[in-house]
Amino acid sequence: MINSSKDATARIWTIDPNSTDNEVFSKTLAHLSEGQEERDITSIDGSPDGSLLATGSYDGFLRVWKSSGEPHATLSGHRGPIFS
């Protein structure tokens, strides 16, 4: 499961299937934009095979992440916030 929040982060949540107490882990994906105040994540979507996910932000950058939480690419060029 993935979710995003107003604090400029998204999280990938994983439940350990081998755990007897359903241990939950999360990986934080931080939208880092030096000197920009408005960087809330406004959209999020995953690839059909689950290998990548994309987050759009109020700062106008689209960030693509690997399912491990590592950055894959940052796309610029939008002139405003990304809402979908």
N, C-alpha and C. Protein backbone atom coordinates (compact mmCIF):
# COMPACT_ATOMS: atom_id res chain seq x y z
N MET A 1 0.84 -1.16 0.00
CA MET A 1 0.00 0.00 0.00
C MET A 1 0.89 1.23 0.00
N ILE A 2 0.45 2.29 -0.67
CA ILE A 2 1.18 3.54 -0.67
C ILE A 2 0.24 4.67 -0.27
N ASN A 3 0.78 5.68 0.37
CA ASN A 3 -0.01 6.87 0.66
C ASN A 3 0.90 8.09 0.65
N SER A 4 0.29 9.25 0.51
CA SER A 4 1.06 10.50 0.51
C SER A 4 0.46 11.43 1.55
N SER A 5 1.21 12.49 1.88
CA SER A 5 0.71 13.40 2.89
C SER A 5 1.14 14.83 2.61
N LYS A 6 0.63 15.71 3.43
CA LYS A 6 0.88 17.13 3.28
C LYS A 6 2.29 17.53 3.73
N ASP A 7 3.03 16.62 4.34
CA ASP A 7 4.38 16.95 4.82
C ASP A 7 5.46 16.67 3.77
N ALA A 8 5.07 16.59 2.49
CA ALA A 8 5.99 16.38 1.37
C ALA A 8 6.62 14.99 1.38
N THR A 9 5.91 14.01 1.93
CA THR A 9 6.40 12.64 1.90
C THR A 9 5.32 11.70 1.39
N ALA A 10 5.75 10.58 0.87
CA ALA A 10 4.87 9.46 0.56
C ALA A 10 5.47 8.26 1.29
N ARG A 11 4.65 7.26 1.55
CA ARG A 11 5.15 6.08 2.24
C ARG A 11 4.68 4.82 1.52
N ILE A 12 5.59 3.86 1.46
CA ILE A 12 5.27 2.53 0.97
C ILE A 12 5.14 1.65 2.21
N TRP A 13 3.97 1.06 2.39
CA TRP A 13 3.72 0.20 3.55
C TRP A 13 3.76 -1.26 3.11
N THR A 14 4.43 -2.09 3.91
CA THR A 14 4.55 -3.51 3.62
C THR A 14 4.25 -4.31 4.88
N ILE A 15 3.46 -5.35 4.74
CA ILE A 15 3.21 -6.28 5.85
C ILE A 15 4.06 -7.52 5.59
N ASP A 16 4.83 -7.92 6.58
CA ASP A 16 5.69 -9.10 6.45
C ASP A 16 4.82 -10.36 6.47
N PRO A 17 4.73 -11.06 5.34
CA PRO A 17 3.86 -12.24 5.27
C PRO A 17 4.37 -13.41 6.13
N ASN A 18 5.64 -13.38 6.51
CA ASN A 18 6.21 -14.45 7.32
C ASN A 18 6.12 -14.18 8.82
N SER A 19 5.65 -13.00 9.17
CA SER A 19 5.57 -12.63 10.57
C SER A 19 4.29 -13.18 11.19
N THR A 20 4.39 -13.70 12.39
CA THR A 20 3.20 -14.22 13.07
C THR A 20 2.35 -13.10 13.65
N ASP A 21 2.94 -11.91 13.84
CA ASP A 21 2.16 -10.80 14.40
C ASP A 21 1.91 -9.69 13.38
N ASN A 22 1.97 -10.03 12.06
CA ASN A 22 1.70 -9.08 10.97
C ASN A 22 2.51 -7.80 11.10
N GLU A 23 3.81 -7.95 11.24
CA GLU A 23 4.70 -6.80 11.35
C GLU A 23 4.58 -5.90 10.13
N VAL A 24 4.50 -4.59 10.37
CA VAL A 24 4.33 -3.62 9.30
C VAL A 24 5.60 -2.77 9.19
N PHE A 25 6.06 -2.58 7.95
CA PHE A 25 7.24 -1.75 7.69
C PHE A 25 6.83 -0.64 6.75
N SER A 26 7.51 0.50 6.87
CA SER A 26 7.25 1.58 5.91
C SER A 26 8.56 2.18 5.44
N LYS A 27 8.53 2.65 4.20
CA LYS A 27 9.68 3.33 3.59
C LYS A 27 9.18 4.72 3.22
N THR A 28 9.88 5.76 3.69
CA THR A 28 9.48 7.13 3.42
C THR A 28 10.15 7.65 2.16
N LEU A 29 9.35 8.24 1.28
CA LEU A 29 9.84 8.86 0.06
C LEU A 29 9.72 10.37 0.24
N ALA A 30 10.82 11.06 0.35
CA ALA A 30 10.81 12.49 0.62
C ALA A 30 10.95 13.30 -0.66
N HIS A 31 10.07 14.24 -0.84
CA HIS A 31 10.16 15.18 -1.96
C HIS A 31 11.06 16.32 -1.50
N LEU A 32 12.27 16.32 -1.97
CA LEU A 32 13.24 17.32 -1.55
C LEU A 32 13.38 18.40 -2.61
N SER A 33 12.98 19.59 -2.27
CA SER A 33 13.12 20.75 -3.16
C SER A 33 13.69 21.89 -2.34
N GLU A 34 14.96 22.10 -2.49
CA GLU A 34 15.64 23.13 -1.72
C GLU A 34 14.97 24.50 -1.89
N GLY A 35 14.67 25.13 -0.78
CA GLY A 35 14.17 26.50 -0.80
C GLY A 35 12.73 26.67 -1.23
N GLN A 36 12.00 25.59 -1.44
CA GLN A 36 10.61 25.71 -1.85
C GLN A 36 9.71 25.31 -0.69
N GLU A 37 8.75 26.18 -0.39
CA GLU A 37 7.84 25.91 0.71
C GLU A 37 6.72 24.97 0.31
N GLU A 38 6.18 25.15 -0.89
CA GLU A 38 5.02 24.37 -1.31
C GLU A 38 5.48 23.15 -2.09
N ARG A 39 5.58 22.03 -1.43
CA ARG A 39 6.00 20.80 -2.08
C ARG A 39 5.14 19.62 -1.65
N ASP A 40 3.93 19.91 -1.19
CA ASP A 40 3.02 18.85 -0.81
C ASP A 40 2.81 17.90 -1.98
N ILE A 41 2.69 16.62 -1.68
CA ILE A 41 2.42 15.63 -2.71
C ILE A 41 0.93 15.68 -3.03
N THR A 42 0.63 15.86 -4.30
CA THR A 42 -0.75 16.06 -4.72
C THR A 42 -1.32 14.90 -5.52
N SER A 43 -0.46 13.98 -5.97
CA SER A 43 -0.94 12.81 -6.71
C SER A 43 0.07 11.68 -6.58
N ILE A 44 -0.45 10.46 -6.71
CA ILE A 44 0.41 9.29 -6.58
C ILE A 44 -0.22 8.15 -7.39
N ASP A 45 0.62 7.36 -8.05
CA ASP A 45 0.11 6.24 -8.83
C ASP A 45 1.23 5.22 -9.01
N GLY A 46 0.87 3.97 -9.16
CA GLY A 46 1.85 2.90 -9.33
C GLY A 46 1.75 2.27 -10.71
N SER A 47 2.85 1.67 -11.15
CA SER A 47 2.84 0.95 -12.43
C SER A 47 2.04 -0.34 -12.25
N PRO A 48 1.49 -0.88 -13.33
CA PRO A 48 0.69 -2.11 -13.24
C PRO A 48 1.43 -3.29 -12.60
N ASP A 49 2.74 -3.39 -12.84
CA ASP A 49 3.48 -4.51 -12.27
C ASP A 49 4.04 -4.23 -10.87
N GLY A 50 3.82 -3.01 -10.36
CA GLY A 50 4.25 -2.66 -9.01
C GLY A 50 5.71 -2.33 -8.87
N SER A 51 6.45 -2.25 -9.97
CA SER A 51 7.89 -2.01 -9.88
C SER A 51 8.24 -0.53 -9.71
N LEU A 52 7.35 0.35 -10.14
CA LEU A 52 7.60 1.80 -10.04
C LEU A 52 6.36 2.50 -9.51
N LEU A 53 6.58 3.65 -8.90
CA LEU A 53 5.45 4.50 -8.56
C LEU A 53 5.86 5.93 -8.83
N ALA A 54 4.87 6.75 -9.13
CA ALA A 54 5.11 8.15 -9.46
C ALA A 54 4.37 9.03 -8.47
N THR A 55 5.03 10.10 -8.05
CA THR A 55 4.39 11.08 -7.18
C THR A 55 4.48 12.45 -7.84
N GLY A 56 3.36 13.12 -7.88
CA GLY A 56 3.32 14.50 -8.38
C GLY A 56 3.24 15.43 -7.19
N SER A 57 3.79 16.61 -7.35
CA SER A 57 3.89 17.50 -6.22
C SER A 57 3.46 18.92 -6.58
N TYR A 58 3.15 19.67 -5.54
CA TYR A 58 2.77 21.06 -5.71
C TYR A 58 3.92 21.88 -6.28
N ASP A 59 5.16 21.37 -6.16
CA ASP A 59 6.32 22.11 -6.68
C ASP A 59 6.50 21.94 -8.19
N GLY A 60 5.62 21.13 -8.83
CA GLY A 60 5.68 20.96 -10.28
C GLY A 60 6.62 19.87 -10.76
N PHE A 61 7.18 19.09 -9.84
CA PHE A 61 8.06 17.99 -10.22
C PHE A 61 7.32 16.67 -10.11
N LEU A 62 7.56 15.78 -11.08
CA LEU A 62 7.06 14.41 -11.03
C LEU A 62 8.25 13.54 -10.68
N ARG A 63 8.12 12.79 -9.63
CA ARG A 63 9.21 11.92 -9.21
C ARG A 63 8.78 10.47 -9.40
N VAL A 64 9.68 9.68 -9.96
CA VAL A 64 9.42 8.26 -10.17
C VAL A 64 10.34 7.50 -9.21
N TRP A 65 9.76 6.52 -8.52
CA TRP A 65 10.46 5.76 -7.49
C TRP A 65 10.44 4.28 -7.82
N LYS A 66 11.49 3.58 -7.44
CA LYS A 66 11.49 2.11 -7.52
C LYS A 66 10.65 1.60 -6.36
N SER A 67 10.15 0.38 -6.45
CA SER A 67 9.32 -0.17 -5.38
C SER A 67 10.10 -0.32 -4.07
N SER A 68 11.42 -0.31 -4.16
CA SER A 68 12.27 -0.37 -2.96
C SER A 68 12.33 0.97 -2.23
N GLY A 69 11.81 2.03 -2.86
CA GLY A 69 11.84 3.36 -2.27
C GLY A 69 12.98 4.22 -2.77
N GLU A 70 13.81 3.67 -3.64
CA GLU A 70 14.91 4.45 -4.20
C GLU A 70 14.41 5.34 -5.33
N PRO A 71 14.94 6.58 -5.45
CA PRO A 71 14.55 7.44 -6.57
C PRO A 71 14.96 6.82 -7.91
N HIS A 72 14.11 6.95 -8.90
CA HIS A 72 14.39 6.42 -10.24
C HIS A 72 14.60 7.57 -11.24
N ALA A 73 13.73 8.59 -11.17
CA ALA A 73 13.85 9.74 -12.07
C ALA A 73 13.06 10.92 -11.50
N THR A 74 13.49 12.11 -11.86
CA THR A 74 12.76 13.33 -11.53
C THR A 74 12.50 14.07 -12.83
N LEU A 75 11.24 14.34 -13.09
CA LEU A 75 10.85 15.00 -14.33
C LEU A 75 10.39 16.41 -14.03
N SER A 76 10.97 17.36 -14.74
CA SER A 76 10.59 18.76 -14.57
C SER A 76 9.95 19.24 -15.86
N GLY A 77 9.51 20.45 -15.87
CA GLY A 77 8.91 21.01 -17.08
C GLY A 77 7.50 21.50 -16.88
N HIS A 78 6.85 21.03 -15.81
CA HIS A 78 5.52 21.55 -15.53
C HIS A 78 5.64 22.99 -15.05
N ARG A 79 4.68 23.81 -15.42
CA ARG A 79 4.72 25.22 -15.03
C ARG A 79 3.92 25.48 -13.77
N GLY A 80 3.39 24.43 -13.18
CA GLY A 80 2.59 24.57 -11.99
C GLY A 80 2.46 23.24 -11.28
N PRO A 81 1.61 23.18 -10.25
CA PRO A 81 1.42 21.94 -9.49
C PRO A 81 0.90 20.81 -10.36
N ILE A 82 1.21 19.59 -9.95
CA ILE A 82 0.70 18.39 -10.64
C ILE A 82 -0.42 17.83 -9.79
N PHE A 83 -1.62 17.73 -10.37
CA PHE A 83 -2.77 17.25 -9.61
C PHE A 83 -3.26 15.89 -10.06
N SER A 84 -2.75 15.34 -11.13
CA SER A 84 -3.18 13.99 -11.54
C SER A 84 -2.14 13.39 -12.46
